[in-house]
């Protein structure tokens, strides 16, 4: 039996993700943030072409595309192979009506030998590079200053099974920018929870990357639903501008039993959800929360605590249609039951 699948990560710079002096280059238009990538890229056959189209439209920074196949005889892997690799974007600098585009620098894809077990084979691929433009930055060890931009990358895994199923995963990634992972059906399925500009900027050298002697672990969360993506657009671009709040790790955003009538949209970081001392899971960027209080007499039904530093947008619950909030609440109840 032949099993074939593909998956990819797409990496992009979300709005207001850059801090410090470099923020001015984005504010003045010298550089630009990216719009969120689409929620789906099409099936395995269309995925690579979709990525190349997005790259040509300067819609992301880079993508890591992984395609693999395996032949099974019962639970025995008799043949296998993989292809794909980096789909590198470019950096566009604009001054007024003038602009120039600089092609980013690719690094060699890293593809260790696949792991094989009874009825499965697991492929791993690291892909990344750096911008061609200099990025002056301080670092914490000699020579204490670098002109070259830090490296960006993701490390993907793709597991094929003898029963015909497959699974995409992300085992490592650079702290910045934001990384979205698309599964074998073409839908976004996983997200890096944090886009940490400051940590990434302090990358001392290539030796502290997969092309040297280490990868960086990545905190991965499940992707939000299509409904949440729709609601997040309404919250951020509705009649009332949302309030953006920053929480430190361990800080409580909402307490079960307290009054509340606003909705929350996680912009960056990870929130833990807890009811009566029982952890129900962790939610990352794109998740919309707080709808139960809006629908159920203005009382918070869960405690939300920052697992990492978090940026969250808060908007009045009255800005969103109650029928949409009811659908969102039903989905969250199903998640709680499965947890």
Foldseek 3Di string as FASTA:
>chain_A
DKAKFKKKKFAFAAPPQDDDPCVVQCVQQQFHGADDDDQFQAAPVRNVVSLLVCQVVVRGAKMAMKIKMFDDDQQDTPDIDIDTAMDGHWTWGDDVPDIDIFTFDWDDKDWDDWDGDGFKIKTKIKTWGAYPAFDWAAADDPVRIGRGAFIWIWMKMWMAGNVRDIFIDTFFTQLDDKMWMATNRRGTFKTFFANHNVVRRRPPDCLDDPVHPDTHGTDMDTDDDPLLLVVVVCQCPPPDHWDKDKDAAFDWPDAFFDFAFKKKAWQHAKKWKAAPRRTLDIDGHSDMDDLCCNVPVRGHRIIIGTNHITIMTIDGNVSDDNVSSVVVVVVVVVSSVVD
